Amino acid sequence: MKHTLLLAALITSLGLCACEKTAPAPAPVTVVVPGPAGAPGATGATGNDGANGATGNTGNTGNTGATGNDGATGNTGATGATGDTGNTGKSGKPGGNTIVVVPAEK
C-alpha cells in the first residue's frame, strides 16, 4: 500500500511537468496624457461651525492635609509678692508642777 501511493504520486508529478505552459502576451500599456488645464473654479462656501464639546466631569476631592506641629512652650510666670506677716500669738499660761516618772532599768 505504501509503495502504491508513492508510485501514484510520482506518475502525477511527471504528468504535470510534461505539460507545456504557454502564457498569453501581456496587453500593451496605454498612457493617458491630460489636456490643457481649464480656468480655476470659484471658491467654495465656508463651512458651518462645529458643535461645542460636552463639559468634562468634576475632578475628585483632594486628600486631607497633614496635622500641624505643636506650638512652642510658654514663658515662666513672674514670682508672686511676699505675703503679710501674721499676727503675734497670745502668751502661754504659767507652768505648774510637772512630775516626770522614769521607768526602772532591767
C-alpha atoms as a PDB file:
ATOM      1  CA  MET A   1       0.000   0.000   0.000  1.00  0.00           C
ATOM      2  CA  LYS A   2       2.833   2.308   0.875  1.00  0.00           C
ATOM      3  CA  HIS A   3       4.574   1.739  -2.457  1.00  0.00           C
ATOM      4  CA  THR A   4       1.342   2.195  -4.391  1.00  0.00           C
ATOM      5  CA  LEU A   5       0.822   5.715  -3.051  1.00  0.00           C
ATOM      6  CA  LEU A   6       4.410   6.681  -3.796  1.00  0.00           C
ATOM      7  CA  LEU A   7       4.118   5.342  -7.352  1.00  0.00           C
ATOM      8  CA  ALA A   8       0.867   7.252  -7.948  1.00  0.00           C
ATOM      9  CA  ALA A   9       2.445  10.491  -6.645  1.00  0.00           C
ATOM     10  CA  LEU A  10       5.457  10.001  -8.960  1.00  0.00           C
ATOM     11  CA  ILE A  11       3.298   9.448 -12.052  1.00  0.00           C
ATOM     12  CA  THR A  12       1.146  12.510 -11.221  1.00  0.00           C
ATOM     13  CA  SER A  13       4.187  14.783 -10.775  1.00  0.00           C
ATOM     14  CA  LEU A  14       5.698  13.573 -14.093  1.00  0.00           C
ATOM     15  CA  GLY A  15       2.408  14.186 -15.889  1.00  0.00           C
ATOM     16  CA  LEU A  16       2.181  17.732 -14.633  1.00  0.00           C
ATOM     17  CA  CYS A  17       5.776  18.504 -15.537  1.00  0.00           C
ATOM     18  CA  ALA A  18       5.308  17.240 -19.118  1.00  0.00           C
ATOM     19  CA  CYS A  19       2.579  19.778 -19.923  1.00  0.00           C
ATOM     20  CA  GLU A  20       3.748  22.828 -21.840  1.00  0.00           C
ATOM     21  CA  LYS A  21       2.588  26.041 -20.313  1.00  0.00           C
ATOM     22  CA  THR A  22       2.143  28.968 -22.655  1.00  0.00           C
ATOM     23  CA  ALA A  23       1.363  32.372 -21.211  1.00  0.00           C
ATOM     24  CA  PRO A  24      -0.567  34.905 -23.325  1.00  0.00           C
ATOM     25  CA  ALA A  25       1.304  38.077 -24.267  1.00  0.00           C
ATOM     26  CA  PRO A  26       0.591  40.974 -21.950  1.00  0.00           C
ATOM     27  CA  ALA A  27      -1.676  43.742 -23.251  1.00  0.00           C
ATOM     28  CA  PRO A  28       0.090  46.985 -24.222  1.00  0.00           C
ATOM     29  CA  VAL A  29       0.013  49.714 -21.585  1.00  0.00           C
ATOM     30  CA  THR A  30      -1.981  52.781 -22.604  1.00  0.00           C
ATOM     31  CA  VAL A  31      -0.692  56.091 -21.209  1.00  0.00           C
ATOM     32  CA  VAL A  32      -3.300  58.832 -20.884  1.00  0.00           C
ATOM     33  CA  VAL A  33      -1.955  62.372 -21.405  1.00  0.00           C
ATOM     34  CA  PRO A  34      -4.066  65.116 -19.800  1.00  0.00           C
ATOM     35  CA  GLY A  35      -5.204  68.069 -21.928  1.00  0.00           C
ATOM     36  CA  PRO A  36      -4.652  71.754 -21.134  1.00  0.00           C
ATOM     37  CA  ALA A  37      -5.947  72.958 -17.774  1.00  0.00           C
ATOM     38  CA  GLY A  38      -9.178  74.963 -17.702  1.00  0.00           C
ATOM     39  CA  ALA A  39      -9.906  78.120 -15.716  1.00  0.00           C
ATOM     40  CA  PRO A  40      -9.883  77.684 -11.932  1.00  0.00           C
ATOM     41  CA  GLY A  41     -13.264  77.184 -10.296  1.00  0.00           C
ATOM     42  CA  ALA A  42     -14.938  79.576  -7.857  1.00  0.00           C
ATOM     43  CA  THR A  43     -14.096  79.380  -4.147  1.00  0.00           C
ATOM     44  CA  GLY A  44     -16.481  77.185  -2.189  1.00  0.00           C
ATOM     45  CA  ALA A  45     -18.708  78.459   0.634  1.00  0.00           C
ATOM     46  CA  THR A  46     -17.369  78.492   4.201  1.00  0.00           C
ATOM     47  CA  GLY A  47     -18.482  75.519   6.267  1.00  0.00           C
ATOM     48  CA  ASN A  48     -20.655  75.782   9.390  1.00  0.00           C
ATOM     49  CA  ASP A  49     -19.078  75.983  12.857  1.00  0.00           C
ATOM     50  CA  GLY A  50     -18.720  72.657  14.602  1.00  0.00           C
ATOM     51  CA  ALA A  51     -20.771  71.794  17.692  1.00  0.00           C
ATOM     52  CA  ASN A  52     -19.293  72.509  21.166  1.00  0.00           C
ATOM     53  CA  GLY A  53     -17.902  69.541  23.030  1.00  0.00           C
ATOM     54  CA  ALA A  54     -19.510  68.228  26.209  1.00  0.00           C
ATOM     55  CA  THR A  55     -18.410  69.623  29.604  1.00  0.00           C
ATOM     56  CA  GLY A  56     -15.876  67.429  31.413  1.00  0.00           C
ATOM     57  CA  ASN A  57     -16.600  65.584  34.648  1.00  0.00           C
ATOM     58  CA  THR A  58     -15.891  67.174  38.045  1.00  0.00           C
ATOM     59  CA  GLY A  59     -12.491  66.251  39.473  1.00  0.00           C
ATOM     60  CA  ASN A  60     -12.009  64.153  42.613  1.00  0.00           C
ATOM     61  CA  THR A  61     -11.832  65.753  46.072  1.00  0.00           C
ATOM     62  CA  GLY A  62      -8.277  66.257  47.345  1.00  0.00           C
ATOM     63  CA  ASN A  63      -6.797  64.428  50.350  1.00  0.00           C
ATOM     64  CA  THR A  64      -6.971  65.817  53.905  1.00  0.00           C
ATOM     65  CA  GLY A  65      -3.971  67.924  54.863  1.00  0.00           C
ATOM     66  CA  ALA A  66      -1.377  66.824  57.445  1.00  0.00           C
ATOM     67  CA  THR A  67      -1.719  67.735  61.156  1.00  0.00           C
ATOM     68  CA  GLY A  68       0.146  70.889  62.163  1.00  0.00           C
ATOM     69  CA  ASN A  69       3.157  70.958  64.533  1.00  0.00           C
ATOM     70  CA  ASP A  70       2.817  71.529  68.315  1.00  0.00           C
ATOM     71  CA  GLY A  71       3.159  75.129  69.481  1.00  0.00           C
ATOM     72  CA  ALA A  72       6.150  76.390  71.497  1.00  0.00           C
ATOM     73  CA  THR A  73       6.108  76.212  75.341  1.00  0.00           C
ATOM     74  CA  GLY A  74       5.062  79.467  77.035  1.00  0.00           C
ATOM     75  CA  ASN A  75       7.341  81.582  79.271  1.00  0.00           C
ATOM     76  CA  THR A  76       7.549  81.020  83.049  1.00  0.00           C
ATOM     77  CA  GLY A  77       5.312  83.362  85.061  1.00  0.00           C
ATOM     78  CA  ALA A  78       6.678  86.071  87.382  1.00  0.00           C
ATOM     79  CA  THR A  79       7.279  85.301  91.106  1.00  0.00           C
ATOM     80  CA  GLY A  80       4.497  86.466  93.408  1.00  0.00           C
ATOM     81  CA  ALA A  81       4.912  89.210  96.042  1.00  0.00           C
ATOM     82  CA  THR A  82       5.804  88.296  99.641  1.00  0.00           C
ATOM     83  CA  GLY A  83       2.758  87.895 101.919  1.00  0.00           C
ATOM     84  CA  ASP A  84       1.982  89.991 105.026  1.00  0.00           C
ATOM     85  CA  THR A  85       3.483  88.924 108.345  1.00  0.00           C
ATOM     86  CA  GLY A  86       0.992  87.131 110.609  1.00  0.00           C
ATOM     87  CA  ASN A  87      -0.256  88.419 113.993  1.00  0.00           C
ATOM     88  CA  THR A  88       1.656  87.531 117.143  1.00  0.00           C
ATOM     89  CA  GLY A  89       0.071  84.766 119.244  1.00  0.00           C
ATOM     90  CA  LYS A  90      -1.138  85.002 122.896  1.00  0.00           C
ATOM     91  CA  SER A  91       1.293  84.444 125.702  1.00  0.00           C
ATOM     92  CA  GLY A  92       1.250  80.978 127.331  1.00  0.00           C
ATOM     93  CA  LYS A  93      -0.153  80.192 130.811  1.00  0.00           C
ATOM     94  CA  PRO A  94       2.289  79.967 133.650  1.00  0.00           C
ATOM     95  CA  GLY A  95       3.504  76.416 134.282  1.00  0.00           C
ATOM     96  CA  GLY A  96       2.531  74.215 137.248  1.00  0.00           C
ATOM     97  CA  ASN A  97       4.374  71.412 138.965  1.00  0.00           C
ATOM     98  CA  THR A  98       5.246  68.720 136.495  1.00  0.00           C
ATOM     99  CA  ILE A  99       6.308  65.252 137.653  1.00  0.00           C
ATOM    100  CA  VAL A 100       8.382  63.100 135.319  1.00  0.00           C
ATOM    101  CA  VAL A 101       8.317  59.318 136.029  1.00  0.00           C
ATOM    102  CA  VAL A 102      11.310  57.405 134.657  1.00  0.00           C
ATOM    103  CA  PRO A 103      10.848  53.635 134.361  1.00  0.00           C
ATOM    104  CA  ALA A 104      13.272  51.336 136.172  1.00  0.00           C
ATOM    105  CA  GLU A 105      16.009  49.699 134.249  1.00  0.00           C
ATOM    106  CA  LYS A 106      16.000  45.958 133.892  1.00  0.00           C
END
